[in-house]
Amino acid sequence: MIPKNNQKTILKLLAGHIPTANPTLHYSNPFELLVAVMLSAQCTDRRVNIITARLFTQYRTPRDFAALEQKNLAEEIRDCGLYRNKSRHIIETSRILLDKFGGLVPHNLEDLESLPGVGRKTANVVLSVAFGIPAFPVDTHIFRVTRRLGLSNGKNPLLVEQDLTRLIPPSELGIWHHRLIHFGRSTCTARKPDCDNCVVRLYCPSRISL
């Protein structure tokens, strides 16, 4: 990792460059967000929003999804990756929510991670976005960007999460999650990062050119 003063400078520059950043998935309640995030694995948010725009007009609650046959839900979401597994997990999760949690999405990490198809990243997104609980989900963009910038040298998402939660105040974790994703999509892209026009290029240890 780079020196802490440089890390703070990078965060300050990014905050000025991207003052606001919001979730890009469309949802109207915690359950819809949970379903949308489950669908987003290996699928773009844009594609998920297309799917949920038609899906949530027919099925809105855990009870609606729990009553579905897997093959029918799989057909509804087949234009997103891993649709067979996702359809099974969404139905199973909906039934567990009804049986164990009164049809409500739990708001703690342990209970969320106990749901089929819900890993730490998905659970942290729900905690942060739906409930405003301090959490820092690490997706592929954040994993790539934070390591490139020297904000973390964690070799897995959990270690990156731990580094960033030590660096960023709890009250700002939510905005930083979305800010870093935005930066990873717009500037620090996977294949061809725009280093020449990057606001933090002078402090980035991975810059390609100046």
Protein backbone atom coordinates (compact mmCIF):
# COMPACT_ATOMS: atom_id res chain seq x y z
CA MET A 1 0.00 0.00 0.00
CA ILE A 2 1.05 3.60 -0.51
CA PRO A 3 1.75 5.94 2.45
CA LYS A 4 -1.32 6.95 4.43
CA ASN A 5 -0.94 10.64 3.52
CA ASN A 6 -1.08 9.70 -0.15
CA GLN A 7 -4.12 7.53 0.49
CA LYS A 8 -5.89 10.47 2.12
CA THR A 9 -4.93 12.72 -0.80
CA ILE A 10 -6.37 10.21 -3.27
CA LEU A 11 -9.62 10.00 -1.32
CA LYS A 12 -9.87 13.79 -1.15
CA LEU A 13 -9.31 14.15 -4.89
CA LEU A 14 -11.83 11.43 -5.73
CA ALA A 15 -14.43 12.97 -3.41
CA GLY A 16 -14.02 16.30 -5.20
CA HIS A 17 -14.16 14.65 -8.61
CA ILE A 18 -17.18 12.47 -7.79
CA PRO A 19 -19.09 14.40 -5.09
CA THR A 20 -22.20 12.24 -5.35
CA ALA A 21 -22.74 8.65 -6.42
CA ASN A 22 -25.89 6.59 -6.10
CA PRO A 23 -26.99 2.98 -6.52
CA THR A 24 -27.63 2.07 -10.14
CA LEU A 25 -29.95 -0.87 -9.48
CA HIS A 26 -33.67 -0.04 -9.47
CA TYR A 27 -35.75 -1.17 -6.49
CA SER A 28 -38.53 0.06 -4.24
CA ASN A 29 -38.00 -1.96 -1.05
CA PRO A 30 -35.34 -4.13 0.63
CA PHE A 31 -36.67 -7.36 -0.88
CA GLU A 32 -36.55 -6.00 -4.42
CA LEU A 33 -33.01 -4.79 -3.78
CA LEU A 34 -32.02 -8.23 -2.50
CA VAL A 35 -33.41 -9.89 -5.63
CA ALA A 36 -31.74 -7.33 -7.89
CA VAL A 37 -28.35 -7.81 -6.26
CA MET A 38 -28.70 -11.58 -6.48
CA LEU A 39 -29.40 -11.19 -10.20
CA SER A 40 -26.41 -8.88 -10.69
CA ALA A 41 -23.74 -11.57 -10.31
CA GLN A 42 -21.93 -11.78 -13.68
CA CYS A 43 -24.52 -9.44 -15.14
CA THR A 44 -24.50 -5.68 -15.67
CA ASP A 45 -26.74 -3.43 -13.60
CA ARG A 46 -28.25 -2.15 -16.84
CA ARG A 47 -29.31 -5.66 -17.82
CA VAL A 48 -30.64 -6.38 -14.32
CA ASN A 49 -32.77 -3.22 -14.45
CA ILE A 50 -34.29 -4.40 -17.74
CA ILE A 51 -35.12 -7.76 -16.17
CA THR A 52 -36.53 -6.38 -12.92
CA ALA A 53 -38.60 -3.76 -14.76
CA ARG A 54 -40.75 -6.56 -16.12
CA LEU A 55 -40.23 -9.00 -13.23
CA PHE A 56 -41.39 -6.68 -10.46
CA THR A 57 -44.60 -5.83 -12.29
CA GLN A 58 -45.67 -9.45 -11.81
CA TYR A 59 -43.92 -10.52 -8.61
CA ARG A 60 -43.24 -8.09 -5.76
CA THR A 61 -43.06 -10.00 -2.48
CA PRO A 62 -41.38 -13.11 -1.06
CA ARG A 63 -44.76 -14.82 -1.19
CA ASP A 64 -45.05 -14.12 -4.92
CA PHE A 65 -41.62 -15.61 -5.65
CA ALA A 66 -42.01 -18.51 -3.23
CA ALA A 67 -45.05 -19.70 -5.18
CA LEU A 68 -43.16 -19.88 -8.48
CA GLU A 69 -41.77 -22.99 -10.10
CA GLN A 70 -38.07 -22.73 -10.77
CA LYS A 71 -38.41 -23.33 -14.51
CA ASN A 72 -40.87 -20.45 -14.81
CA LEU A 73 -38.67 -17.99 -12.94
CA ALA A 74 -35.63 -19.21 -14.88
CA GLU A 75 -37.45 -18.38 -18.10
CA GLU A 76 -38.24 -14.89 -16.81
CA ILE A 77 -34.57 -14.14 -16.03
CA ARG A 78 -32.83 -16.21 -18.69
CA ASP A 79 -31.22 -13.14 -20.28
CA CYS A 80 -28.95 -12.75 -17.27
CA GLY A 81 -26.05 -15.07 -16.49
CA LEU A 82 -26.41 -18.13 -14.24
CA TYR A 83 -30.17 -17.84 -14.49
CA ARG A 84 -30.89 -21.44 -13.41
CA ASN A 85 -28.95 -21.11 -10.15
CA LYS A 86 -30.30 -17.63 -9.55
CA SER A 87 -33.90 -18.72 -10.02
CA ARG A 88 -33.43 -21.55 -7.53
CA HIS A 89 -31.74 -19.31 -4.97
CA ILE A 90 -34.35 -16.56 -5.24
CA ILE A 91 -37.21 -19.00 -4.71
CA GLU A 92 -35.45 -20.75 -1.82
CA THR A 93 -34.56 -17.42 -0.22
CA SER A 94 -38.15 -16.21 -0.55
CA ARG A 95 -39.44 -19.32 1.21
CA ILE A 96 -36.92 -18.93 4.03
CA LEU A 97 -37.90 -15.28 4.45
CA LEU A 98 -41.52 -16.37 4.87
CA ASP A 99 -40.77 -19.29 7.18
CA LYS A 100 -38.08 -17.76 9.36
CA PHE A 101 -38.23 -13.97 9.11
CA GLY A 102 -41.92 -13.15 8.77
CA GLY A 103 -41.51 -12.24 5.11
CA LEU A 104 -39.03 -9.48 5.91
CA VAL A 105 -35.42 -9.10 4.80
CA PRO A 106 -33.17 -9.40 7.87
CA HIS A 107 -30.85 -6.51 8.62
CA ASN A 108 -27.82 -8.26 10.03
CA LEU A 109 -24.92 -9.88 8.22
CA GLU A 110 -25.23 -13.36 9.73
CA ASP A 111 -28.90 -13.82 8.82
CA LEU A 112 -28.43 -12.41 5.34
CA GLU A 113 -25.47 -14.70 4.62
CA SER A 114 -27.55 -17.68 5.72
CA LEU A 115 -29.84 -17.17 2.71
CA PRO A 116 -29.19 -19.26 -0.43
CA GLY A 117 -27.16 -17.38 -3.01
CA VAL A 118 -26.38 -14.50 -0.65
CA GLY A 119 -22.67 -13.96 -0.04
CA ARG A 120 -20.90 -11.27 1.93
CA LYS A 121 -20.94 -8.72 -0.88
CA THR A 122 -24.68 -9.08 -1.49
CA ALA A 123 -25.39 -8.97 2.24
CA ASN A 124 -23.30 -5.82 2.66
CA VAL A 125 -25.08 -4.12 -0.25
CA VAL A 126 -28.44 -4.78 1.38
CA LEU A 127 -27.22 -3.58 4.78
CA SER A 128 -25.71 -0.40 3.35
CA VAL A 129 -28.22 0.56 0.68
CA ALA A 130 -31.52 -0.72 2.06
CA PHE A 131 -30.94 -0.14 5.77
CA GLY A 132 -28.22 2.52 5.97
CA ILE A 133 -26.08 0.29 8.16
CA PRO A 134 -22.32 0.96 7.81
CA ALA A 135 -20.94 -1.73 5.52
CA PHE A 136 -18.53 -1.81 2.61
CA PRO A 137 -19.40 -4.26 -0.19
CA VAL A 138 -16.42 -5.13 -2.37
CA ASP A 139 -17.27 -5.95 -5.97
CA THR A 140 -14.90 -6.51 -8.88
CA HIS A 141 -14.58 -2.78 -9.61
CA ILE A 142 -13.70 -1.90 -6.03
CA PHE A 143 -11.31 -4.83 -5.72
CA ARG A 144 -9.48 -3.69 -8.86
CA VAL A 145 -9.47 0.05 -8.16
CA THR A 146 -8.40 -0.02 -4.54
CA ARG A 147 -5.47 -2.32 -5.27
CA ARG A 148 -4.37 -0.24 -8.27
CA LEU A 149 -4.50 2.96 -6.25
CA GLY A 150 -2.58 1.47 -3.34
CA LEU A 151 -5.49 1.86 -0.94
CA SER A 152 -5.27 -1.85 -0.19
CA ASN A 153 -3.01 -4.76 -0.99
CA GLY A 154 -5.60 -7.31 0.11
CA LYS A 155 -5.52 -10.51 -1.88
CA ASN A 156 -9.23 -11.17 -1.51
CA PRO A 157 -12.39 -9.05 -1.12
CA LEU A 158 -12.57 -9.54 2.66
CA LEU A 159 -9.05 -8.17 3.17
CA VAL A 160 -9.82 -5.22 0.88
CA GLU A 161 -12.99 -4.57 2.88
CA GLN A 162 -11.02 -4.58 6.12
CA ASP A 163 -8.42 -2.15 4.75
CA LEU A 164 -11.04 0.28 3.47
CA THR A 165 -13.13 0.21 6.64
CA ARG A 166 -10.01 1.23 8.55
CA LEU A 167 -9.39 4.07 6.12
CA ILE A 168 -12.92 5.45 5.65
CA PRO A 169 -15.21 6.67 8.47
CA PRO A 170 -18.24 4.40 9.03
CA SER A 171 -20.69 7.16 8.08
CA GLU A 172 -19.04 7.51 4.65
CA LEU A 173 -18.74 3.84 3.68
CA GLY A 174 -21.93 3.89 1.62
CA ILE A 175 -21.00 6.84 -0.56
CA TRP A 176 -17.47 5.48 -1.03
CA HIS A 177 -18.82 2.14 -2.20
CA HIS A 178 -20.74 3.86 -5.00
CA ARG A 179 -18.01 6.43 -5.66
CA LEU A 180 -15.33 3.80 -6.25
CA ILE A 181 -17.65 1.76 -8.47
CA HIS A 182 -18.35 4.88 -10.54
CA PHE A 183 -14.62 5.60 -10.80
CA GLY A 184 -13.94 1.99 -11.83
CA ARG A 185 -16.57 2.11 -14.55
CA SER A 186 -15.76 5.57 -15.91
CA THR A 187 -11.98 5.98 -15.53
CA CYS A 188 -10.09 3.11 -13.92
CA THR A 189 -11.58 0.47 -16.19
CA ALA A 190 -10.42 -3.12 -16.30
CA ARG A 191 -8.94 -3.27 -19.79
CA LYS A 192 -7.91 0.28 -20.61
CA PRO A 193 -7.74 2.68 -17.66
CA ASP A 194 -7.75 6.35 -18.67
CA CYS A 195 -4.63 7.23 -16.71
CA ASP A 196 -3.86 10.39 -18.73
CA ASN A 197 -7.15 11.97 -17.64
CA CYS A 198 -7.31 10.51 -14.14
CA VAL A 199 -7.70 13.00 -11.29
CA VAL A 200 -5.41 10.94 -9.01
CA ARG A 201 -2.78 10.00 -11.60
CA LEU A 202 0.05 11.80 -9.79
CA TYR A 203 -0.45 9.63 -6.70
CA CYS A 204 -1.34 6.31 -8.30
CA PRO A 205 1.40 3.67 -8.10
CA SER A 206 -0.11 1.79 -11.06
CA ARG A 207 -0.41 4.66 -13.55
CA ILE A 208 0.41 3.72 -17.11
CA SER A 209 1.54 7.13 -18.29
CA LEU A 210 1.74 10.77 -17.32
